[in-house]
Amino acid sequence: MHTLKSIEIIPQYKLKCYFTDNRVKEVDLSSLLHKSAFEFLKNSENFYKIKNKHYFVEWEGFDADLSADTLWHWNE
């Protein structure tokens, strides 16, 4: 199981994910915008409400999250 040390928001719906094993991965989440559970992210202000919960990230005020493992394997 992977754990997030920190996250950095990058323009155009991207995250730079810093994991506790010192790996860094850039994740492009723009492909989620067409999925109903993540449509709220089309408003970029909502995207910035992301919170690092270490085992997952969540968007404050919305019922959506992504696990650290999902972010780890995103581009594989």
N, C-alpha and C. Protein backbone atom coordinates (compact mmCIF):
# COMPACT_ATOMS: atom_id res chain seq x y z
N MET A 1 0.83 -1.17 0.00
CA MET A 1 0.00 0.00 0.00
C MET A 1 0.89 1.25 0.00
N HIS A 2 0.58 2.18 -0.90
CA HIS A 2 1.36 3.40 -1.02
C HIS A 2 0.75 4.50 -0.16
N THR A 3 1.61 5.43 0.25
CA THR A 3 1.17 6.53 1.09
C THR A 3 1.72 7.84 0.52
N LEU A 4 0.87 8.85 0.53
CA LEU A 4 1.25 10.17 0.03
C LEU A 4 1.87 11.01 1.14
N LYS A 5 3.03 11.57 0.84
CA LYS A 5 3.66 12.51 1.76
C LYS A 5 3.05 13.89 1.54
N SER A 6 2.93 14.28 0.26
CA SER A 6 2.32 15.56 -0.08
C SER A 6 1.87 15.53 -1.54
N ILE A 7 1.07 16.53 -1.88
CA ILE A 7 0.63 16.71 -3.26
C ILE A 7 0.80 18.17 -3.64
N GLU A 8 1.02 18.39 -4.91
CA GLU A 8 1.15 19.74 -5.45
C GLU A 8 0.21 19.83 -6.65
N ILE A 9 -0.58 20.87 -6.70
CA ILE A 9 -1.50 21.07 -7.82
C ILE A 9 -0.76 21.75 -8.95
N ILE A 10 -0.89 21.18 -10.15
CA ILE A 10 -0.27 21.71 -11.36
C ILE A 10 -1.42 22.10 -12.30
N PRO A 11 -1.29 23.20 -13.02
CA PRO A 11 -2.38 23.60 -13.93
C PRO A 11 -2.81 22.50 -14.89
N GLN A 12 -4.04 22.64 -15.35
CA GLN A 12 -4.66 21.71 -16.30
C GLN A 12 -4.98 20.36 -15.67
N TYR A 13 -5.45 20.39 -14.42
CA TYR A 13 -5.95 19.18 -13.74
C TYR A 13 -4.89 18.12 -13.50
N LYS A 14 -3.71 18.57 -13.13
CA LYS A 14 -2.63 17.63 -12.83
C LYS A 14 -2.21 17.75 -11.38
N LEU A 15 -1.69 16.65 -10.86
CA LEU A 15 -1.13 16.61 -9.52
C LEU A 15 0.30 16.10 -9.58
N LYS A 16 1.15 16.66 -8.77
CA LYS A 16 2.46 16.08 -8.55
C LYS A 16 2.35 15.40 -7.18
N CYS A 17 2.52 14.10 -7.17
CA CYS A 17 2.33 13.30 -5.97
C CYS A 17 3.69 12.88 -5.41
N TYR A 18 3.92 13.22 -4.17
CA TYR A 18 5.14 12.86 -3.46
C TYR A 18 4.79 11.73 -2.49
N PHE A 19 5.37 10.58 -2.71
CA PHE A 19 5.06 9.41 -1.90
C PHE A 19 6.11 9.24 -0.80
N THR A 20 5.73 8.52 0.23
CA THR A 20 6.63 8.34 1.38
C THR A 20 7.88 7.52 1.06
N ASP A 21 7.87 6.82 -0.07
CA ASP A 21 9.07 6.07 -0.47
C ASP A 21 10.00 6.94 -1.33
N ASN A 22 9.74 8.27 -1.34
CA ASN A 22 10.52 9.28 -2.05
C ASN A 22 10.33 9.27 -3.57
N ARG A 23 9.37 8.52 -4.07
CA ARG A 23 9.03 8.58 -5.49
C ARG A 23 8.13 9.78 -5.73
N VAL A 24 8.25 10.36 -6.91
CA VAL A 24 7.42 11.49 -7.30
C VAL A 24 6.78 11.14 -8.63
N LYS A 25 5.46 11.32 -8.71
CA LYS A 25 4.75 11.01 -9.95
C LYS A 25 3.83 12.16 -10.30
N GLU A 26 3.80 12.50 -11.58
CA GLU A 26 2.87 13.50 -12.08
C GLU A 26 1.66 12.78 -12.68
N VAL A 27 0.48 13.17 -12.22
CA VAL A 27 -0.74 12.49 -12.61
C VAL A 27 -1.69 13.48 -13.28
N ASP A 28 -2.11 13.17 -14.49
CA ASP A 28 -3.05 14.01 -15.23
C ASP A 28 -4.46 13.47 -15.01
N LEU A 29 -5.26 14.22 -14.26
CA LEU A 29 -6.61 13.77 -13.92
C LEU A 29 -7.68 14.30 -14.87
N SER A 30 -7.28 14.93 -15.96
CA SER A 30 -8.26 15.50 -16.89
C SER A 30 -9.17 14.43 -17.50
N SER A 31 -8.73 13.19 -17.57
CA SER A 31 -9.57 12.14 -18.13
C SER A 31 -10.77 11.81 -17.23
N LEU A 32 -10.75 12.26 -15.99
CA LEU A 32 -11.87 12.02 -15.07
C LEU A 32 -13.04 12.97 -15.31
N LEU A 33 -12.81 14.08 -16.00
CA LEU A 33 -13.81 15.13 -16.11
C LEU A 33 -15.10 14.68 -16.78
N HIS A 34 -15.05 13.65 -17.61
CA HIS A 34 -16.25 13.17 -18.30
C HIS A 34 -17.03 12.13 -17.48
N LYS A 35 -16.46 11.68 -16.37
CA LYS A 35 -17.14 10.70 -15.51
C LYS A 35 -18.06 11.44 -14.54
N SER A 36 -19.27 10.95 -14.38
CA SER A 36 -20.27 11.67 -13.57
C SER A 36 -19.80 11.93 -12.14
N ALA A 37 -19.07 11.01 -11.54
CA ALA A 37 -18.61 11.19 -10.16
C ALA A 37 -17.61 12.33 -10.01
N PHE A 38 -16.98 12.73 -11.12
CA PHE A 38 -15.94 13.76 -11.06
C PHE A 38 -16.26 14.99 -11.91
N GLU A 39 -17.48 15.11 -12.39
CA GLU A 39 -17.86 16.26 -13.21
C GLU A 39 -17.66 17.59 -12.49
N PHE A 40 -17.78 17.57 -11.18
CA PHE A 40 -17.60 18.80 -10.40
C PHE A 40 -16.21 19.39 -10.58
N LEU A 41 -15.25 18.58 -11.02
CA LEU A 41 -13.88 19.06 -11.22
C LEU A 41 -13.75 19.97 -12.44
N LYS A 42 -14.76 19.98 -13.31
CA LYS A 42 -14.72 20.89 -14.46
C LYS A 42 -14.61 22.33 -14.01
N ASN A 43 -15.13 22.62 -12.83
CA ASN A 43 -14.94 23.93 -12.22
C ASN A 43 -13.58 23.88 -11.51
N SER A 44 -12.61 24.58 -12.03
CA SER A 44 -11.24 24.47 -11.50
C SER A 44 -11.15 24.88 -10.04
N GLU A 45 -12.05 25.73 -9.57
CA GLU A 45 -12.05 26.09 -8.14
C GLU A 45 -12.30 24.85 -7.29
N ASN A 46 -13.13 23.96 -7.76
CA ASN A 46 -13.39 22.71 -7.03
C ASN A 46 -12.16 21.82 -6.99
N PHE A 47 -11.40 21.81 -8.08
CA PHE A 47 -10.20 20.98 -8.13
C PHE A 47 -9.23 21.36 -7.01
N TYR A 48 -9.16 22.66 -6.71
CA TYR A 48 -8.23 23.15 -5.70
C TYR A 48 -8.67 22.84 -4.27
N LYS A 49 -9.84 22.26 -4.10
CA LYS A 49 -10.32 21.87 -2.77
C LYS A 49 -9.82 20.49 -2.36
N ILE A 50 -8.85 19.99 -3.06
CA ILE A 50 -8.31 18.66 -2.78
C ILE A 50 -7.55 18.65 -1.45
N LYS A 51 -7.67 17.56 -0.73
CA LYS A 51 -6.99 17.37 0.55
C LYS A 51 -6.23 16.06 0.54
N ASN A 52 -5.01 16.11 1.04
CA ASN A 52 -4.18 14.91 1.17
C ASN A 52 -4.53 14.22 2.49
N LYS A 53 -5.04 13.01 2.40
CA LYS A 53 -5.36 12.20 3.58
C LYS A 53 -4.37 11.04 3.71
N HIS A 54 -3.26 11.13 3.00
CA HIS A 54 -2.11 10.21 3.02
C HIS A 54 -2.37 8.86 2.35
N TYR A 55 -3.46 8.18 2.65
CA TYR A 55 -3.80 6.94 1.95
C TYR A 55 -4.71 7.20 0.77
N PHE A 56 -5.19 8.42 0.67
CA PHE A 56 -6.05 8.84 -0.43
C PHE A 56 -6.11 10.35 -0.47
N VAL A 57 -6.62 10.89 -1.58
CA VAL A 57 -6.93 12.31 -1.68
C VAL A 57 -8.44 12.43 -1.80
N GLU A 58 -8.98 13.52 -1.25
CA GLU A 58 -10.41 13.75 -1.37
C GLU A 58 -10.64 15.22 -1.68
N TRP A 59 -11.82 15.49 -2.23
CA TRP A 59 -12.19 16.86 -2.54
C TRP A 59 -13.20 17.32 -1.51
N GLU A 60 -12.81 18.35 -0.78
CA GLU A 60 -13.63 18.90 0.29
C GLU A 60 -14.99 19.33 -0.23
N GLY A 61 -16.05 18.84 0.40
CA GLY A 61 -17.40 19.20 0.02
C GLY A 61 -18.01 18.33 -1.07
N PHE A 62 -17.25 17.35 -1.56
CA PHE A 62 -17.73 16.45 -2.61
C PHE A 62 -17.49 15.02 -2.17
N ASP A 63 -18.32 14.13 -2.63
CA ASP A 63 -18.20 12.72 -2.25
C ASP A 63 -17.35 11.99 -3.29
N ALA A 64 -16.07 12.39 -3.37
CA ALA A 64 -15.17 11.77 -4.35
C ALA A 64 -13.76 11.71 -3.77
N ASP A 65 -13.08 10.62 -4.06
CA ASP A 65 -11.70 10.49 -3.63
C ASP A 65 -10.96 9.53 -4.56
N LEU A 66 -9.66 9.52 -4.45
CA LEU A 66 -8.79 8.59 -5.18
C LEU A 66 -7.75 8.07 -4.21
N SER A 67 -7.52 6.78 -4.23
CA SER A 67 -6.54 6.19 -3.32
C SER A 67 -5.12 6.51 -3.77
N ALA A 68 -4.21 6.45 -2.82
CA ALA A 68 -2.79 6.65 -3.13
C ALA A 68 -2.32 5.57 -4.11
N ASP A 69 -2.83 4.36 -3.96
CA ASP A 69 -2.46 3.28 -4.89
C ASP A 69 -2.94 3.59 -6.31
N THR A 70 -4.13 4.14 -6.44
CA THR A 70 -4.63 4.52 -7.76
C THR A 70 -3.74 5.57 -8.39
N LEU A 71 -3.36 6.57 -7.61
CA LEU A 71 -2.47 7.62 -8.13
C LEU A 71 -1.09 7.04 -8.49
N TRP A 72 -0.62 6.12 -7.69
CA TRP A 72 0.69 5.49 -7.94
C TRP A 72 0.70 4.79 -9.31
N HIS A 73 -0.38 4.09 -9.63
CA HIS A 73 -0.46 3.28 -10.85
C HIS A 73 -1.12 4.02 -12.01
N TRP A 74 -1.41 5.27 -11.87
CA TRP A 74 -2.23 6.02 -12.85
C TRP A 74 -1.75 5.88 -14.28
N ASN A 75 -0.49 6.07 -14.56
CA ASN A 75 0.02 6.10 -15.94
C ASN A 75 0.67 4.79 -16.38
N GLU A 76 0.45 3.74 -15.65
CA GLU A 76 1.12 2.48 -16.01
C GLU A 76 0.29 1.67 -16.98
